[in-house]
Amino acid sequence: MVADDSKVVRIKTGRLLSAHQYQVVVAEDGLDAARQIGSSLPDVLVTDVDMPGMGGFELTRQLRGDPRTAHVPIIMVTSDSEQLRSEAAAAGVNVILGKPYPEEQLIAHIQRLMSSQRGG
């Protein structure tokens, strides 16, 4: 799942993941993501920090607080700063990527997180 309030980012990231044979679901913000995750668990969540309604940190804390979603790997894409890194780690984010990120780096993180999910 890709959760970002930027349509350009959703399309760009969605195309990248589709090109690597991933099935992609998009959410326009954290509230949309939380609603969709309630009915269908993603293998990985790629989210922005600043979104209207519910931001990436709030979404992460909500997922981590629910036993049904606590295991979902979360990759956060944001402008890089040390404060954001420590807040993301405290919230339970698995990976933080600065904007812009190398596309192959995102794919490598997703592959690693998904294989560790499967215990591989």
PDB file of N, CA and C in Angstrom:
ATOM      1  N   MET A   1       0.837  -1.183   0.000  1.00  0.00           N
ATOM      2  CA  MET A   1       0.000   0.000   0.000  1.00  0.00           C
ATOM      3  C   MET A   1       0.876   1.238   0.000  1.00  0.00           C
ATOM      4  N   VAL A   2       0.484   2.204  -0.795  1.00  0.00           N
ATOM      5  CA  VAL A   2       1.155   3.497  -0.834  1.00  0.00           C
ATOM      6  C   VAL A   2       0.176   4.536  -0.302  1.00  0.00           C
ATOM      7  N   ALA A   3       0.523   5.185   0.813  1.00  0.00           N
ATOM      8  CA  ALA A   3      -0.321   6.233   1.394  1.00  0.00           C
ATOM      9  C   ALA A   3       0.409   7.562   1.298  1.00  0.00           C
ATOM     10  N   ASP A   4      -0.106   8.460   0.463  1.00  0.00           N
ATOM     11  CA  ASP A   4       0.506   9.771   0.283  1.00  0.00           C
ATOM     12  C   ASP A   4      -0.547  10.728  -0.231  1.00  0.00           C
ATOM     13  N   ASP A   5      -0.557  11.958   0.290  1.00  0.00           N
ATOM     14  CA  ASP A   5      -1.547  12.928  -0.166  1.00  0.00           C
ATOM     15  C   ASP A   5      -1.176  13.536  -1.521  1.00  0.00           C
ATOM     16  N   SER A   6       0.023  13.260  -2.010  1.00  0.00           N
ATOM     17  CA  SER A   6       0.435  13.740  -3.323  1.00  0.00           C
ATOM     18  C   SER A   6       0.069  12.718  -4.401  1.00  0.00           C
ATOM     19  N   LYS A   7      -0.798  13.122  -5.311  1.00  0.00           N
ATOM     20  CA  LYS A   7      -1.206  12.221  -6.391  1.00  0.00           C
ATOM     21  C   LYS A   7       0.000  11.806  -7.234  1.00  0.00           C
ATOM     22  N   VAL A   8       0.915  12.744  -7.473  1.00  0.00           N
ATOM     23  CA  VAL A   8       2.119  12.459  -8.267  1.00  0.00           C
ATOM     24  C   VAL A   8       2.935  11.345  -7.604  1.00  0.00           C
ATOM     25  N   VAL A   9       3.110  11.443  -6.289  1.00  0.00           N
ATOM     26  CA  VAL A   9       3.882  10.423  -5.558  1.00  0.00           C
ATOM     27  C   VAL A   9       3.166   9.078  -5.613  1.00  0.00           C
ATOM     28  N   ARG A  10       1.842   9.080  -5.424  1.00  0.00           N
ATOM     29  CA  ARG A  10       1.094   7.819  -5.483  1.00  0.00           C
ATOM     30  C   ARG A  10       1.251   7.165  -6.851  1.00  0.00           C
ATOM     31  N   ILE A  11       1.124   7.950  -7.909  1.00  0.00           N
ATOM     32  CA  ILE A  11       1.235   7.390  -9.268  1.00  0.00           C
ATOM     33  C   ILE A  11       2.655   6.900  -9.535  1.00  0.00           C
ATOM     34  N   LYS A  12       3.643   7.725  -9.201  1.00  0.00           N
ATOM     35  CA  LYS A  12       5.041   7.375  -9.467  1.00  0.00           C
ATOM     36  C   LYS A  12       5.448   6.112  -8.693  1.00  0.00           C
ATOM     37  N   THR A  13       5.136   6.080  -7.402  1.00  0.00           N
ATOM     38  CA  THR A  13       5.504   4.922  -6.586  1.00  0.00           C
ATOM     39  C   THR A  13       4.703   3.694  -7.006  1.00  0.00           C
ATOM     40  N   GLY A  14       3.434   3.889  -7.312  1.00  0.00           N
ATOM     41  CA  GLY A  14       2.587   2.787  -7.783  1.00  0.00           C
ATOM     42  C   GLY A  14       3.120   2.161  -9.056  1.00  0.00           C
ATOM     43  N   ARG A  15       3.543   2.997  -9.993  1.00  0.00           N
ATOM     44  CA  ARG A  15       4.104   2.483 -11.256  1.00  0.00           C
ATOM     45  C   ARG A  15       5.398   1.718 -11.006  1.00  0.00           C
ATOM     46  N   LEU A  16       6.245   2.256 -10.136  1.00  0.00           N
ATOM     47  CA  LEU A  16       7.509   1.594  -9.810  1.00  0.00           C
ATOM     48  C   LEU A  16       7.238   0.203  -9.226  1.00  0.00           C
ATOM     49  N   LEU A  17       6.325   0.128  -8.258  1.00  0.00           N
ATOM     50  CA  LEU A  17       6.037  -1.154  -7.621  1.00  0.00           C
ATOM     51  C   LEU A  17       5.372  -2.122  -8.593  1.00  0.00           C
ATOM     52  N   SER A  18       4.461  -1.619  -9.412  1.00  0.00           N
ATOM     53  CA  SER A  18       3.810  -2.473 -10.421  1.00  0.00           C
ATOM     54  C   SER A  18       4.829  -3.042 -11.398  1.00  0.00           C
ATOM     55  N   ALA A  19       5.805  -2.228 -11.761  1.00  0.00           N
ATOM     56  CA  ALA A  19       6.842  -2.686 -12.680  1.00  0.00           C
ATOM     57  C   ALA A  19       7.669  -3.818 -12.079  1.00  0.00           C
ATOM     58  N   HIS A  20       7.685  -3.910 -10.754  1.00  0.00           N
ATOM     59  CA  HIS A  20       8.396  -4.985 -10.059  1.00  0.00           C
ATOM     60  C   HIS A  20       7.439  -6.087  -9.605  1.00  0.00           C
ATOM     61  N   GLN A  21       6.290  -6.153 -10.250  1.00  0.00           N
ATOM     62  CA  GLN A  21       5.310  -7.233 -10.037  1.00  0.00           C
ATOM     63  C   GLN A  21       4.617  -7.195  -8.676  1.00  0.00           C
ATOM     64  N   TYR A  22       4.574  -6.020  -8.039  1.00  0.00           N
ATOM     65  CA  TYR A  22       3.832  -5.901  -6.788  1.00  0.00           C
ATOM     66  C   TYR A  22       2.410  -5.440  -7.096  1.00  0.00           C
ATOM     67  N   GLN A  23       1.462  -5.969  -6.364  1.00  0.00           N
ATOM     68  CA  GLN A  23       0.080  -5.506  -6.459  1.00  0.00           C
ATOM     69  C   GLN A  23      -0.005  -4.273  -5.567  1.00  0.00           C
ATOM     70  N   VAL A  24      -0.485  -3.155  -6.131  1.00  0.00           N
ATOM     71  CA  VAL A  24      -0.446  -1.882  -5.419  1.00  0.00           C
ATOM     72  C   VAL A  24      -1.848  -1.379  -5.104  1.00  0.00           C
ATOM     73  N   VAL A  25      -2.028  -0.958  -3.862  1.00  0.00           N
ATOM     74  CA  VAL A  25      -3.243  -0.279  -3.425  1.00  0.00           C
ATOM     75  C   VAL A  25      -2.795   1.100  -2.967  1.00  0.00           C
ATOM     76  N   VAL A  26      -3.553   2.153  -3.327  1.00  0.00           N
ATOM     77  CA  VAL A  26      -3.165   3.500  -2.919  1.00  0.00           C
ATOM     78  C   VAL A  26      -4.198   4.088  -1.963  1.00  0.00           C
ATOM     79  N   ALA A  27      -3.697   4.947  -1.080  1.00  0.00           N
ATOM     80  CA  ALA A  27      -4.545   5.672  -0.137  1.00  0.00           C
ATOM     81  C   ALA A  27      -4.155   7.148  -0.221  1.00  0.00           C
ATOM     82  N   GLU A  28      -5.158   8.020  -0.145  1.00  0.00           N
ATOM     83  CA  GLU A  28      -4.920   9.453  -0.315  1.00  0.00           C
ATOM     84  C   GLU A  28      -4.385  10.126   0.942  1.00  0.00           C
ATOM     85  N   ASP A  29      -4.525   9.478   2.089  1.00  0.00           N
ATOM     86  CA  ASP A  29      -4.010  10.011   3.349  1.00  0.00           C
ATOM     87  C   ASP A  29      -4.065   8.908   4.405  1.00  0.00           C
ATOM     88  N   GLY A  30      -3.680   9.248   5.619  1.00  0.00           N
ATOM     89  CA  GLY A  30      -3.648   8.247   6.678  1.00  0.00           C
ATOM     90  C   GLY A  30      -5.019   7.681   7.025  1.00  0.00           C
ATOM     91  N   LEU A  31      -6.058   8.530   7.006  1.00  0.00           N
ATOM     92  CA  LEU A  31      -7.411   8.049   7.310  1.00  0.00           C
ATOM     93  C   LEU A  31      -7.873   7.040   6.271  1.00  0.00           C
ATOM     94  N   ASP A  32      -7.612   7.341   4.992  1.00  0.00           N
ATOM     95  CA  ASP A  32      -7.967   6.434   3.904  1.00  0.00           C
ATOM     96  C   ASP A  32      -7.204   5.124   4.050  1.00  0.00           C
ATOM     97  N   ALA A  33      -5.916   5.220   4.382  1.00  0.00           N
ATOM     98  CA  ALA A  33      -5.092   4.022   4.564  1.00  0.00           C
ATOM     99  C   ALA A  33      -5.630   3.174   5.719  1.00  0.00           C
ATOM    100  N   ALA A  34      -5.932   3.809   6.852  1.00  0.00           N
ATOM    101  CA  ALA A  34      -6.429   3.075   8.014  1.00  0.00           C
ATOM    102  C   ALA A  34      -7.748   2.378   7.684  1.00  0.00           C
ATOM    103  N   ARG A  35      -8.612   3.061   6.945  1.00  0.00           N
ATOM    104  CA  ARG A  35      -9.906   2.479   6.571  1.00  0.00           C
ATOM    105  C   ARG A  35      -9.691   1.247   5.680  1.00  0.00           C
ATOM    106  N   GLN A  36      -8.824   1.378   4.673  1.00  0.00           N
ATOM    107  CA  GLN A  36      -8.568   0.256   3.759  1.00  0.00           C
ATOM    108  C   GLN A  36      -7.877  -0.908   4.466  1.00  0.00           C
ATOM    109  N   ILE A  37      -6.938  -0.600   5.346  1.00  0.00           N
ATOM    110  CA  ILE A  37      -6.212  -1.646   6.068  1.00  0.00           C
ATOM    111  C   ILE A  37      -7.165  -2.406   6.986  1.00  0.00           C
ATOM    112  N   GLY A  38      -8.215  -1.729   7.454  1.00  0.00           N
ATOM    113  CA  GLY A  38      -9.213  -2.386   8.280  1.00  0.00           C
ATOM    114  C   GLY A  38      -9.886  -3.551   7.580  1.00  0.00           C
ATOM    115  N   SER A  39      -9.981  -3.490   6.246  1.00  0.00           N
ATOM    116  CA  SER A  39     -10.642  -4.573   5.514  1.00  0.00           C
ATOM    117  C   SER A  39      -9.674  -5.458   4.733  1.00  0.00           C
ATOM    118  N   SER A  40      -8.447  -4.988   4.511  1.00  0.00           N
ATOM    119  CA  SER A  40      -7.484  -5.785   3.750  1.00  0.00           C
ATOM    120  C   SER A  40      -6.066  -5.406   4.152  1.00  0.00           C
ATOM    121  N   LEU A  41      -5.345  -6.342   4.772  1.00  0.00           N
ATOM    122  CA  LEU A  41      -3.983  -6.068   5.247  1.00  0.00           C
ATOM    123  C   LEU A  41      -2.987  -6.027   4.095  1.00  0.00           C
ATOM    124  N   PRO A  42      -2.187  -4.961   4.010  1.00  0.00           N
ATOM    125  CA  PRO A  42      -1.123  -4.930   2.996  1.00  0.00           C
ATOM    126  C   PRO A  42       0.091  -5.732   3.471  1.00  0.00           C
ATOM    127  N   ASP A  43       0.928  -6.156   2.529  1.00  0.00           N
ATOM    128  CA  ASP A  43       2.181  -6.827   2.895  1.00  0.00           C
ATOM    129  C   ASP A  43       3.189  -5.817   3.431  1.00  0.00           C
ATOM    130  N   VAL A  44       3.148  -4.593   2.859  1.00  0.00           N
ATOM    131  CA  VAL A  44       4.045  -3.506   3.251  1.00  0.00           C
ATOM    132  C   VAL A  44       3.287  -2.192   3.086  1.00  0.00           C
ATOM    133  N   LEU A  45       3.532  -1.237   3.978  1.00  0.00           N
ATOM    134  CA  LEU A  45       2.956   0.098   3.853  1.00  0.00           C
ATOM    135  C   LEU A  45       4.079   1.086   3.581  1.00  0.00           C
ATOM    136  N   VAL A  46       3.942   1.856   2.494  1.00  0.00           N
ATOM    137  CA  VAL A  46       4.857   2.954   2.187  1.00  0.00           C
ATOM    138  C   VAL A  46       4.054   4.226   2.433  1.00  0.00           C
ATOM    139  N   THR A  47       4.490   5.051   3.385  1.00  0.00           N
ATOM    140  CA  THR A  47       3.696   6.222   3.757  1.00  0.00           C
ATOM    141  C   THR A  47       4.531   7.491   3.864  1.00  0.00           C
ATOM    142  N   ASP A  48       3.838   8.609   3.686  1.00  0.00           N
ATOM    143  CA  ASP A  48       4.412   9.932   3.877  1.00  0.00           C
ATOM    144  C   ASP A  48       4.235  10.301   5.347  1.00  0.00           C
ATOM    145  N   VAL A  49       4.933  11.340   5.811  1.00  0.00           N
ATOM    146  CA  VAL A  49       4.756  11.811   7.179  1.00  0.00           C
ATOM    147  C   VAL A  49       3.587  12.790   7.246  1.00  0.00           C
ATOM    148  N   ASP A  50       3.687  13.866   6.478  1.00  0.00           N
ATOM    149  CA  ASP A  50       2.689  14.939   6.547  1.00  0.00           C
ATOM    150  C   ASP A  50       1.554  14.699   5.567  1.00  0.00           C
ATOM    151  N   MET A  51       0.387  14.360   6.122  1.00  0.00           N
ATOM    152  CA  MET A  51      -0.813  14.175   5.314  1.00  0.00           C
ATOM    153  C   MET A  51      -1.976  14.780   6.085  1.00  0.00           C
ATOM    154  N   PRO A  52      -2.970  15.303   5.383  1.00  0.00           N
ATOM    155  CA  PRO A  52      -4.141  15.848   6.088  1.00  0.00           C
ATOM    156  C   PRO A  52      -4.946  14.727   6.745  1.00  0.00           C
ATOM    157  N   GLY A  53      -5.684  15.073   7.787  1.00  0.00           N
ATOM    158  CA  GLY A  53      -6.527  14.079   8.461  1.00  0.00           C
ATOM    159  C   GLY A  53      -5.734  13.265   9.465  1.00  0.00           C
ATOM    160  N   MET A  54      -4.925  12.350   8.953  1.00  0.00           N
ATOM    161  CA  MET A  54      -4.070  11.517   9.809  1.00  0.00           C
ATOM    162  C   MET A  54      -2.713  11.394   9.131  1.00  0.00           C
ATOM    163  N   GLY A  55      -1.677  11.828   9.837  1.00  0.00           N
ATOM    164  CA  GLY A  55      -0.329  11.770   9.285  1.00  0.00           C
ATOM    165  C   GLY A  55       0.291  10.391   9.415  1.00  0.00           C
ATOM    166  N   GLY A  56       1.485  10.242   8.869  1.00  0.00           N
ATOM    167  CA  GLY A  56       2.181   8.959   8.871  1.00  0.00           C
ATOM    168  C   GLY A  56       2.526   8.435  10.253  1.00  0.00           C
ATOM    169  N   PHE A  57       2.901   9.342  11.182  1.00  0.00           N
ATOM    170  CA  PHE A  57       3.233   8.884  12.534  1.00  0.00           C
ATOM    171  C   PHE A  57       1.992   8.355  13.248  1.00  0.00           C
ATOM    172  N   GLU A  58       0.890   9.081  13.126  1.00  0.00           N
ATOM    173  CA  GLU A  58      -0.349   8.652  13.774  1.00  0.00           C
ATOM    174  C   GLU A  58      -0.813   7.312  13.189  1.00  0.00           C
ATOM    175  N   LEU A  59      -0.723   7.191  11.867  1.00  0.00           N
ATOM    176  CA  LEU A  59      -1.092   5.937  11.196  1.00  0.00           C
ATOM    177  C   LEU A  59      -0.213   4.794  11.708  1.00  0.00           C
ATOM    178  N   THR A  60       1.088   5.031  11.793  1.00  0.00           N
ATOM    179  CA  THR A  60       2.023   4.004  12.275  1.00  0.00           C
ATOM    180  C   THR A  60       1.681   3.579  13.698  1.00  0.00           C
ATOM    181  N   ARG A  61       1.455   4.556  14.576  1.00  0.00           N
ATOM    182  CA  ARG A  61       1.122   4.221  15.967  1.00  0.00           C
ATOM    183  C   ARG A  61      -0.183   3.436  16.053  1.00  0.00           C
ATOM    184  N   GLN A  62      -1.153   3.793  15.216  1.00  0.00           N
ATOM    185  CA  GLN A  62      -2.432   3.070  15.208  1.00  0.00           C
ATOM    186  C   GLN A  62      -2.220   1.619  14.774  1.00  0.00           C
ATOM    187  N   LEU A  63      -1.430   1.416  13.710  1.00  0.00           N
ATOM    188  CA  LEU A  63      -1.174   0.056  13.231  1.00  0.00           C
ATOM    189  C   LEU A  63      -0.406  -0.754  14.268  1.00  0.00           C
ATOM    190  N   ARG A  64       0.598  -0.139  14.881  1.00  0.00           N
ATOM    191  CA  ARG A  64       1.412  -0.850  15.879  1.00  0.00           C
ATOM    192  C   ARG A  64       0.597  -1.188  17.129  1.00  0.00           C
ATOM    193  N   GLY A  65      -0.433  -0.398  17.419  1.00  0.00           N
ATOM    194  CA  GLY A  65      -1.238  -0.623  18.601  1.00  0.00           C
ATOM    195  C   GLY A  65      -2.310  -1.685  18.429  1.00  0.00           C
ATOM    196  N   ASP A  66      -2.505  -2.168  17.211  1.00  0.00           N
ATOM    197  CA  ASP A  66      -3.535  -3.168  16.921  1.00  0.00           C
ATOM    198  C   ASP A  66      -2.840  -4.502  16.640  1.00  0.00           C
ATOM    199  N   PRO A  67      -3.137  -5.538  17.432  1.00  0.00           N
ATOM    200  CA  PRO A  67      -2.468  -6.829  17.231  1.00  0.00           C
ATOM    201  C   PRO A  67      -2.630  -7.381  15.807  1.00  0.00           C
ATOM    202  N   ARG A  68      -3.715  -7.045  15.140  1.00  0.00           N
ATOM    203  CA  ARG A  68      -3.959  -7.539  13.783  1.00  0.00           C
ATOM    204  C   ARG A  68      -3.017  -6.904  12.757  1.00  0.00           C
ATOM    205  N   THR A  69      -2.562  -5.669  13.037  1.00  0.00           N
ATOM    206  CA  THR A  69      -1.735  -4.947  12.065  1.00  0.00           C
ATOM    207  C   THR A  69      -0.334  -4.637  12.590  1.00  0.00           C
ATOM    208  N   ALA A  70      -0.026  -5.039  13.805  1.00  0.00           N
ATOM    209  CA  ALA A  70       1.244  -4.667  14.429  1.00  0.00           C
ATOM    210  C   ALA A  70       2.459  -5.174  13.659  1.00  0.00           C
ATOM    211  N   HIS A  71       2.305  -6.251  12.889  1.00  0.00           N
ATOM    212  CA  HIS A  71       3.425  -6.866  12.170  1.00  0.00           C
ATOM    213  C   HIS A  71       3.683  -6.247  10.795  1.00  0.00           C
ATOM    214  N   VAL A  72       2.766  -5.408  10.297  1.00  0.00           N
ATOM    215  CA  VAL A  72       2.898  -4.876   8.924  1.00  0.00           C
ATOM    216  C   VAL A  72       4.146  -3.989   8.841  1.00  0.00           C
ATOM    217  N   PRO A  73       5.083  -4.311   7.934  1.00  0.00           N
ATOM    218  CA  PRO A  73       6.277  -3.477   7.778  1.00  0.00           C
ATOM    219  C   PRO A  73       5.894  -2.095   7.238  1.00  0.00           C
ATOM    220  N   ILE A  74       6.532  -1.054   7.783  1.00  0.00           N
ATOM    221  CA  ILE A  74       6.222   0.317   7.380  1.00  0.00           C
ATOM    222  C   ILE A  74       7.485   1.017   6.915  1.00  0.00           C
ATOM    223  N   ILE A  75       7.406   1.557   5.694  1.00  0.00           N
ATOM    224  CA  ILE A  75       8.480   2.376   5.127  1.00  0.00           C
ATOM    225  C   ILE A  75       7.945   3.800   5.062  1.00  0.00           C
ATOM    226  N   MET A  76       8.660   4.743   5.671  1.00  0.00           N
ATOM    227  CA  MET A  76       8.232   6.134   5.670  1.00  0.00           C
ATOM    228  C   MET A  76       9.146   6.940   4.760  1.00  0.00           C
ATOM    229  N   VAL A  77       8.536   7.694   3.867  1.00  0.00           N
ATOM    230  CA  VAL A  77       9.287   8.537   2.938  1.00  0.00           C
ATOM    231  C   VAL A  77       9.038   9.983   3.337  1.00  0.00           C
ATOM    232  N   THR A  78      10.118  10.709   3.611  1.00  0.00           N
ATOM    233  CA  THR A  78       9.969  12.079   4.089  1.00  0.00           C
ATOM    234  C   THR A  78      11.244  12.867   3.845  1.00  0.00           C
ATOM    235  N   SER A  79      11.148  14.176   4.041  1.00  0.00           N
ATOM    236  CA  SER A  79      12.374  14.967   4.005  1.00  0.00           C
ATOM    237  C   SER A  79      13.184  14.532   5.216  1.00  0.00           C
ATOM    238  N   ASP A  80      14.445  14.316   5.016  1.00  0.00           N
ATOM    239  CA  ASP A  80      15.283  13.676   6.026  1.00  0.00           C
ATOM    240  C   ASP A  80      15.680  14.637   7.139  1.00  0.00           C
ATOM    241  N   SER A  81      15.519  14.215   8.380  1.00  0.00           N
ATOM    242  CA  SER A  81      16.046  14.960   9.517  1.00  0.00           C
ATOM    243  C   SER A  81      16.208  13.994  10.684  1.00  0.00           C
ATOM    244  N   GLU A  82      17.148  14.297  11.559  1.00  0.00           N
ATOM    245  CA  GLU A  82      17.401  13.419  12.700  1.00  0.00           C
ATOM    246  C   GLU A  82      16.190  13.329  13.623  1.00  0.00           C
ATOM    247  N   GLN A  83      15.498  14.458  13.828  1.00  0.00           N
ATOM    248  CA  GLN A  83      14.330  14.442  14.708  1.00  0.00           C
ATOM    249  C   GLN A  83      13.262  13.507  14.153  1.00  0.00           C
ATOM    250  N   LEU A  84      13.031  13.572  12.823  1.00  0.00           N
ATOM    251  CA  LEU A  84      12.046  12.689  12.207  1.00  0.00           C
ATOM    252  C   LEU A  84      12.470  11.237  12.331  1.00  0.00           C
ATOM    253  N   ARG A  85      13.753  10.976  12.179  1.00  0.00           N
ATOM    254  CA  ARG A  85      14.249   9.595  12.290  1.00  0.00           C
ATOM    255  C   ARG A  85      13.967   9.024  13.674  1.00  0.00           C
ATOM    256  N   SER A  86      14.248   9.793  14.722  1.00  0.00           N
ATOM    257  CA  SER A  86      14.028   9.264  16.070  1.00  0.00           C
ATOM    258  C   SER A  86      12.539   9.136  16.364  1.00  0.00           C
ATOM    259  N   GLU A  87      11.728  10.086  15.888  1.00  0.00           N
ATOM    260  CA  GLU A  87      10.279   9.987  16.090  1.00  0.00           C
ATOM    261  C   GLU A  87       9.715   8.784  15.335  1.00  0.00           C
ATOM    262  N   ALA A  88      10.224   8.543  14.125  1.00  0.00           N
ATOM    263  CA  ALA A  88       9.764   7.398  13.331  1.00  0.00           C
ATOM    264  C   ALA A  88      10.132   6.089  14.018  1.00  0.00           C
ATOM    265  N   ALA A  89      11.349   6.006  14.526  1.00  0.00           N
ATOM    266  CA  ALA A  89      11.780   4.788  15.222  1.00  0.00           C
ATOM    267  C   ALA A  89      10.917   4.556  16.458  1.00  0.00           C
ATOM    268  N   ALA A  90      10.623   5.626  17.188  1.00  0.00           N
ATOM    269  CA  ALA A  90       9.789   5.504  18.392  1.00  0.00           C
ATOM    270  C   ALA A  90       8.367   5.060  18.045  1.00  0.00           C
ATOM    271  N   ALA A  91       7.863   5.504  16.889  1.00  0.00           N
ATOM    272  CA  ALA A  91       6.502   5.143  16.479  1.00  0.00           C
ATOM    273  C   ALA A  91       6.430   3.700  15.984  1.00  0.00           C
ATOM    274  N   GLY A  92       7.569   3.167  15.522  1.00  0.00           N
ATOM    275  CA  GLY A  92       7.579   1.785  15.048  1.00  0.00           C
ATOM    276  C   GLY A  92       7.797   1.632  13.554  1.00  0.00           C
ATOM    277  N   VAL A  93       8.304   2.684  12.903  1.00  0.00           N
ATOM    278  CA  VAL A  93       8.600   2.616  11.469  1.00  0.00           C
ATOM    279  C   VAL A  93       9.812   1.710  11.262  1.00  0.00           C
ATOM    280  N   ASN A  94       9.747   0.837  10.241  1.00  0.00           N
ATOM    281  CA  ASN A  94      10.862  -0.070   9.964  1.00  0.00           C
ATOM    282  C   ASN A  94      11.993   0.619   9.206  1.00  0.00           C
ATOM    283  N   VAL A  95      11.637   1.452   8.205  1.00  0.00           N
ATOM    284  CA  VAL A  95      12.632   2.085   7.342  1.00  0.00           C
ATOM    285  C   VAL A  95      12.205   3.523   7.066  1.00  0.00           C
ATOM    286  N   ILE A  96      13.176   4.452   7.135  1.00  0.00           N
ATOM    287  CA  ILE A  96      12.916   5.836   6.718  1.00  0.00           C
ATOM    288  C   ILE A  96      13.745   6.115   5.475  1.00  0.00           C
ATOM    289  N   LEU A  97      13.093   6.625   4.441  1.00  0.00           N
ATOM    290  CA  LEU A  97      13.790   7.025   3.219  1.00  0.00           C
ATOM    291  C   LEU A  97      13.611   8.525   3.034  1.00  0.00           C
ATOM    292  N   GLY A  98      14.710   9.227   2.736  1.00  0.00           N
ATOM    293  CA  GLY A  98      14.626  10.649   2.458  1.00  0.00           C
ATOM    294  C   GLY A  98      14.124  10.885   1.042  1.00  0.00           C
ATOM    295  N   LYS A  99      13.520  12.052   0.830  1.00  0.00           N
ATOM    296  CA  LYS A  99      13.071  12.427  -0.519  1.00  0.00           C
ATOM    297  C   LYS A  99      14.153  13.254  -1.171  1.00  0.00           C
ATOM    298  N   PRO A 100      14.460  13.048  -2.430  1.00  0.00           N
ATOM    299  CA  PRO A 100      14.010  11.910  -3.239  1.00  0.00           C
ATOM    300  C   PRO A 100      14.848  10.684  -2.904  1.00  0.00           C
ATOM    301  N   TYR A 101      14.268   9.512  -3.036  1.00  0.00           N
ATOM    302  CA  TYR A 101      14.989   8.278  -2.718  1.00  0.00           C
ATOM    303  C   TYR A 101      15.331   7.555  -4.027  1.00  0.00           C
ATOM    304  N   PRO A 102      16.444   6.814  -4.039  1.00  0.00           N
ATOM    305  CA  PRO A 102      16.749   5.978  -5.204  1.00  0.00           C
ATOM    306  C   PRO A 102      15.708   4.861  -5.298  1.00  0.00           C
ATOM    307  N   GLU A 103      15.101   4.691  -6.468  1.00  0.00           N
ATOM    308  CA  GLU A 103      14.036   3.703  -6.634  1.00  0.00           C
ATOM    309  C   GLU A 103      14.493   2.301  -6.259  1.00  0.00           C
ATOM    310  N   GLU A 104      15.722   1.939  -6.636  1.00  0.00           N
ATOM    311  CA  GLU A 104      16.205   0.588  -6.329  1.00  0.00           C
ATOM    312  C   GLU A 104      16.338   0.381  -4.824  1.00  0.00           C
ATOM    313  N   GLN A 105      16.559   1.460  -4.076  1.00  0.00           N
ATOM    314  CA  GLN A 105      16.660   1.355  -2.618  1.00  0.00           C
ATOM    315  C   GLN A 105      15.291   1.002  -2.019  1.00  0.00           C
ATOM    316  N   LEU A 106      14.226   1.630  -2.514  1.00  0.00           N
ATOM    317  CA  LEU A 106      12.879   1.310  -2.034  1.00  0.00           C
ATOM    318  C   LEU A 106      12.553  -0.147  -2.329  1.00  0.00           C
ATOM    319  N   ILE A 107      12.827  -0.602  -3.541  1.00  0.00           N
ATOM    320  CA  ILE A 107      12.534  -1.988  -3.924  1.00  0.00           C
ATOM    321  C   ILE A 107      13.325  -2.956  -3.046  1.00  0.00           C
ATOM    322  N   ALA A 108      14.594  -2.653  -2.789  1.00  0.00           N
ATOM    323  CA  ALA A 108      15.425  -3.527  -1.949  1.00  0.00           C
ATOM    324  C   ALA A 108      14.855  -3.629  -0.535  1.00  0.00           C
ATOM    325  N   HIS A 109      14.414  -2.502   0.024  1.00  0.00           N
ATOM    326  CA  HIS A 109      13.811  -2.520   1.368  1.00  0.00           C
ATOM    327  C   HIS A 109      12.534  -3.356   1.375  1.00  0.00           C
ATOM    328  N   ILE A 110      11.692  -3.187   0.367  1.00  0.00           N
ATOM    329  CA  ILE A 110      10.439  -3.950   0.297  1.00  0.00           C
ATOM    330  C   ILE A 110      10.734  -5.445   0.201  1.00  0.00           C
ATOM    331  N   GLN A 111      11.678  -5.811  -0.657  1.00  0.00           N
ATOM    332  CA  GLN A 111      12.023  -7.234  -0.802  1.00  0.00           C
ATOM    333  C   GLN A 111      12.533  -7.800   0.516  1.00  0.00           C
ATOM    334  N   ARG A 112      13.380  -7.053   1.200  1.00  0.00           N
ATOM    335  CA  ARG A 112      13.943  -7.508   2.481  1.00  0.00           C
ATOM    336  C   ARG A 112      12.838  -7.651   3.534  1.00  0.00           C
ATOM    337  N   LEU A 113      11.975  -6.634   3.638  1.00  0.00           N
ATOM    338  CA  LEU A 113      10.912  -6.677   4.642  1.00  0.00           C
ATOM    339  C   LEU A 113       9.925  -7.811   4.369  1.00  0.00           C
ATOM    340  N   MET A 114       9.606  -8.038   3.092  1.00  0.00           N
ATOM    341  CA  MET A 114       8.652  -9.103   2.762  1.00  0.00           C
ATOM    342  C   MET A 114       9.263 -10.487   3.005  1.00  0.00           C
ATOM    343  N   SER A 115      10.552 -10.637   2.724  1.00  0.00           N
ATOM    344  CA  SER A 115      11.153 -11.962   2.959  1.00  0.00           C
ATOM    345  C   SER A 115      11.283 -12.223   4.461  1.00  0.00           C
ATOM    346  N   SER A 116      11.542 -11.185   5.264  1.00  0.00           N
ATOM    347  CA  SER A 116      11.615 -11.408   6.707  1.00  0.00           C
ATOM    348  C   SER A 116      10.218 -11.684   7.286  1.00  0.00           C
ATOM    349  N   GLN A 117       9.182 -11.138   6.647  1.00  0.00           N
ATOM    350  CA  GLN A 117       7.797 -11.419   7.061  1.00  0.00           C
ATOM    351  C   GLN A 117       7.483 -12.897   6.869  1.00  0.00           C
ATOM    352  N   ARG A 118       7.974 -13.442   5.771  1.00  0.00           N
ATOM    353  CA  ARG A 118       7.703 -14.851   5.468  1.00  0.00           C
ATOM    354  C   ARG A 118       8.660 -15.775   6.226  1.00  0.00           C
ATOM    355  N   GLY A 119       9.544 -15.168   6.995  1.00  0.00           N
ATOM    356  CA  GLY A 119      10.498 -15.962   7.764  1.00  0.00           C
ATOM    357  C   GLY A 119      11.612 -16.516   6.896  1.00  0.00           C
ATOM    358  N   GLY A 120      11.852 -15.791   5.747  1.00  0.00           N
ATOM    359  CA  GLY A 120      12.861 -16.309   4.828  1.00  0.00           C
ATOM    360  C   GLY A 120      14.109 -15.566   4.821  1.00  0.00           C
TER     361      GLY A 120
END
